[in-house]
Amino acid sequence: MARPKFTVHHNGGGRVGPDACVEDTAYVGILSVVTGEARVTGMSRIEGESWVCGRASVSGHAKVVDCHVYEMA
């Protein structure tokens, strides 16, 4: 089974899965991952060793640092 293709987000260098959506204004740090159908919008920041996955949504000026955000968070 093939692994999903991740892209590198231009604002921070973090990895973004093929079905995830990260706006250009959001920051995804180099050690962070956004995957599944997750959405990161606005001026949100995903930092440290964070994972945003499933159907999670991070928006506005939210900051996620060194934690996991799953599913319908």
N, C-alpha and C. Protein backbone atom coordinates (compact mmCIF):
# COMPACT_ATOMS: atom_id res chain seq x y z
N MET A 1 0.84 -1.18 0.00
CA MET A 1 0.00 0.00 0.00
C MET A 1 0.88 1.24 0.00
N ALA A 2 0.56 2.17 -0.88
CA ALA A 2 1.37 3.39 -1.02
C ALA A 2 1.10 4.35 0.14
N ARG A 3 2.13 5.02 0.57
CA ARG A 3 2.00 6.04 1.60
C ARG A 3 1.46 7.32 0.97
N PRO A 4 0.67 8.09 1.74
CA PRO A 4 0.16 9.35 1.18
C PRO A 4 1.30 10.33 0.91
N LYS A 5 1.14 11.13 -0.10
CA LYS A 5 2.14 12.14 -0.46
C LYS A 5 1.91 13.40 0.36
N PHE A 6 2.88 13.77 1.13
CA PHE A 6 2.81 14.99 1.92
C PHE A 6 3.52 16.11 1.16
N THR A 7 3.01 17.33 1.34
CA THR A 7 3.70 18.50 0.80
C THR A 7 4.27 19.28 1.98
N VAL A 8 5.19 20.15 1.69
CA VAL A 8 5.80 21.01 2.71
C VAL A 8 5.11 22.37 2.63
N HIS A 9 4.55 22.81 3.77
CA HIS A 9 3.86 24.10 3.80
C HIS A 9 4.91 25.22 3.73
N HIS A 10 4.67 26.18 2.86
CA HIS A 10 5.66 27.25 2.64
C HIS A 10 5.87 28.15 3.85
N ASN A 11 4.89 28.20 4.75
CA ASN A 11 5.00 29.06 5.93
C ASN A 11 5.31 28.18 7.15
N GLY A 12 6.56 27.85 7.32
CA GLY A 12 7.01 27.07 8.47
C GLY A 12 7.68 25.76 8.14
N GLY A 13 7.37 25.19 6.98
CA GLY A 13 8.05 23.96 6.56
C GLY A 13 7.45 22.68 7.07
N GLY A 14 6.28 22.73 7.72
CA GLY A 14 5.64 21.52 8.22
C GLY A 14 5.01 20.71 7.09
N ARG A 15 4.62 19.47 7.40
CA ARG A 15 4.06 18.56 6.40
C ARG A 15 2.54 18.65 6.38
N VAL A 16 1.98 18.62 5.17
CA VAL A 16 0.53 18.69 4.98
C VAL A 16 0.12 17.51 4.10
N GLY A 17 -0.84 16.71 4.59
CA GLY A 17 -1.33 15.56 3.86
C GLY A 17 -2.15 15.96 2.65
N PRO A 18 -2.36 15.02 1.72
CA PRO A 18 -3.04 15.33 0.46
C PRO A 18 -4.50 15.76 0.61
N ASP A 19 -5.19 15.36 1.66
CA ASP A 19 -6.59 15.73 1.84
C ASP A 19 -6.79 16.83 2.87
N ALA A 20 -5.71 17.28 3.48
CA ALA A 20 -5.78 18.36 4.47
C ALA A 20 -5.77 19.71 3.77
N CYS A 21 -6.25 20.74 4.46
CA CYS A 21 -6.30 22.09 3.90
C CYS A 21 -5.65 23.06 4.88
N VAL A 22 -4.60 23.70 4.43
CA VAL A 22 -3.92 24.71 5.26
C VAL A 22 -3.83 26.00 4.44
N GLU A 23 -4.42 27.06 4.95
CA GLU A 23 -4.37 28.34 4.25
C GLU A 23 -2.95 28.91 4.26
N ASP A 24 -2.67 29.75 3.28
CA ASP A 24 -1.35 30.37 3.15
C ASP A 24 -0.99 31.21 4.36
N THR A 25 -2.00 31.78 5.03
CA THR A 25 -1.75 32.67 6.17
C THR A 25 -1.41 31.90 7.45
N ALA A 26 -1.71 30.61 7.49
CA ALA A 26 -1.43 29.79 8.67
C ALA A 26 0.03 29.37 8.68
N TYR A 27 0.51 29.05 9.89
CA TYR A 27 1.89 28.60 10.08
C TYR A 27 1.88 27.16 10.53
N VAL A 28 2.68 26.31 9.87
CA VAL A 28 2.85 24.92 10.28
C VAL A 28 4.35 24.69 10.43
N GLY A 29 4.79 24.55 11.68
CA GLY A 29 6.22 24.41 11.97
C GLY A 29 6.82 23.15 11.39
N ILE A 30 8.12 23.15 11.26
CA ILE A 30 8.86 22.09 10.58
C ILE A 30 8.67 20.70 11.21
N LEU A 31 8.36 20.63 12.49
CA LEU A 31 8.16 19.34 13.15
C LEU A 31 6.68 18.95 13.23
N SER A 32 5.80 19.76 12.66
CA SER A 32 4.36 19.54 12.77
C SER A 32 3.79 18.89 11.52
N VAL A 33 2.61 18.23 11.72
CA VAL A 33 1.94 17.53 10.63
C VAL A 33 0.45 17.85 10.66
N VAL A 34 -0.13 18.13 9.50
CA VAL A 34 -1.57 18.30 9.34
C VAL A 34 -2.00 17.23 8.33
N THR A 35 -2.92 16.36 8.74
CA THR A 35 -3.27 15.23 7.89
C THR A 35 -4.76 14.90 7.99
N GLY A 36 -5.18 13.90 7.24
CA GLY A 36 -6.60 13.56 7.20
C GLY A 36 -7.35 14.66 6.46
N GLU A 37 -8.54 15.00 6.95
CA GLU A 37 -9.33 16.07 6.35
C GLU A 37 -9.26 17.34 7.21
N ALA A 38 -8.20 17.46 7.99
CA ALA A 38 -8.04 18.60 8.89
C ALA A 38 -7.92 19.90 8.12
N ARG A 39 -8.34 20.99 8.79
CA ARG A 39 -8.27 22.34 8.22
C ARG A 39 -7.56 23.27 9.21
N VAL A 40 -6.62 24.04 8.69
CA VAL A 40 -5.94 25.05 9.49
C VAL A 40 -6.10 26.37 8.72
N THR A 41 -6.81 27.32 9.34
CA THR A 41 -7.15 28.54 8.63
C THR A 41 -6.77 29.79 9.42
N GLY A 42 -6.91 30.93 8.76
CA GLY A 42 -6.63 32.21 9.41
C GLY A 42 -5.17 32.37 9.77
N MET A 43 -4.93 32.95 10.91
CA MET A 43 -3.57 33.19 11.40
C MET A 43 -3.12 32.13 12.41
N SER A 44 -3.73 30.96 12.34
CA SER A 44 -3.41 29.87 13.26
C SER A 44 -1.95 29.46 13.16
N ARG A 45 -1.44 28.95 14.29
CA ARG A 45 -0.05 28.49 14.33
C ARG A 45 -0.03 27.06 14.89
N ILE A 46 0.60 26.16 14.14
CA ILE A 46 0.81 24.78 14.58
C ILE A 46 2.30 24.65 14.81
N GLU A 47 2.70 24.47 16.05
CA GLU A 47 4.12 24.54 16.41
C GLU A 47 4.59 23.31 17.16
N GLY A 48 5.90 23.17 17.24
CA GLY A 48 6.49 22.04 17.96
C GLY A 48 6.14 20.73 17.29
N GLU A 49 6.08 19.66 18.08
CA GLU A 49 5.76 18.34 17.55
C GLU A 49 4.25 18.10 17.62
N SER A 50 3.50 18.91 16.89
CA SER A 50 2.04 18.83 16.91
C SER A 50 1.51 18.07 15.71
N TRP A 51 0.37 17.41 15.91
CA TRP A 51 -0.37 16.73 14.84
C TRP A 51 -1.80 17.25 14.88
N VAL A 52 -2.30 17.68 13.73
CA VAL A 52 -3.70 18.05 13.58
C VAL A 52 -4.24 17.06 12.54
N CYS A 53 -5.23 16.24 12.93
CA CYS A 53 -5.63 15.17 12.03
C CYS A 53 -7.11 14.86 12.12
N GLY A 54 -7.55 13.93 11.27
CA GLY A 54 -8.96 13.59 11.19
C GLY A 54 -9.72 14.75 10.58
N ARG A 55 -10.82 15.14 11.22
CA ARG A 55 -11.63 16.27 10.74
C ARG A 55 -11.46 17.49 11.63
N ALA A 56 -10.35 17.59 12.32
CA ALA A 56 -10.10 18.71 13.22
C ALA A 56 -10.01 20.02 12.43
N SER A 57 -10.40 21.10 13.09
CA SER A 57 -10.32 22.43 12.50
C SER A 57 -9.67 23.38 13.49
N VAL A 58 -8.62 24.06 13.06
CA VAL A 58 -7.94 25.06 13.88
C VAL A 58 -8.07 26.37 13.12
N SER A 59 -8.62 27.40 13.77
CA SER A 59 -8.92 28.64 13.03
C SER A 59 -8.64 29.88 13.86
N GLY A 60 -8.82 31.02 13.20
CA GLY A 60 -8.62 32.31 13.87
C GLY A 60 -7.15 32.54 14.20
N HIS A 61 -6.90 32.88 15.47
CA HIS A 61 -5.54 33.10 15.95
C HIS A 61 -5.11 31.99 16.92
N ALA A 62 -5.69 30.80 16.76
CA ALA A 62 -5.39 29.67 17.65
C ALA A 62 -3.94 29.25 17.51
N LYS A 63 -3.40 28.74 18.62
CA LYS A 63 -2.03 28.26 18.64
C LYS A 63 -2.02 26.85 19.23
N VAL A 64 -1.46 25.91 18.49
CA VAL A 64 -1.34 24.51 18.93
C VAL A 64 0.15 24.24 19.09
N VAL A 65 0.57 23.85 20.30
CA VAL A 65 1.99 23.64 20.56
C VAL A 65 2.20 22.29 21.23
N ASP A 66 2.99 21.44 20.60
CA ASP A 66 3.39 20.14 21.15
C ASP A 66 2.19 19.31 21.64
N CYS A 67 1.16 19.19 20.82
CA CYS A 67 0.03 18.36 21.18
C CYS A 67 -0.66 17.81 19.94
N HIS A 68 -1.63 16.94 20.16
CA HIS A 68 -2.39 16.33 19.07
C HIS A 68 -3.82 16.81 19.13
N VAL A 69 -4.35 17.21 17.97
CA VAL A 69 -5.75 17.62 17.86
C VAL A 69 -6.39 16.63 16.90
N TYR A 70 -7.41 15.89 17.40
CA TYR A 70 -8.01 14.82 16.62
C TYR A 70 -9.46 15.12 16.25
N GLU A 71 -9.87 14.49 15.18
CA GLU A 71 -11.26 14.39 14.73
C GLU A 71 -12.05 15.69 14.80
N MET A 72 -13.09 15.76 15.58
CA MET A 72 -14.02 16.88 15.55
C MET A 72 -13.68 17.96 16.58
N ALA A 73 -12.44 18.18 16.83
CA ALA A 73 -12.02 19.17 17.84
C ALA A 73 -12.33 20.58 17.36
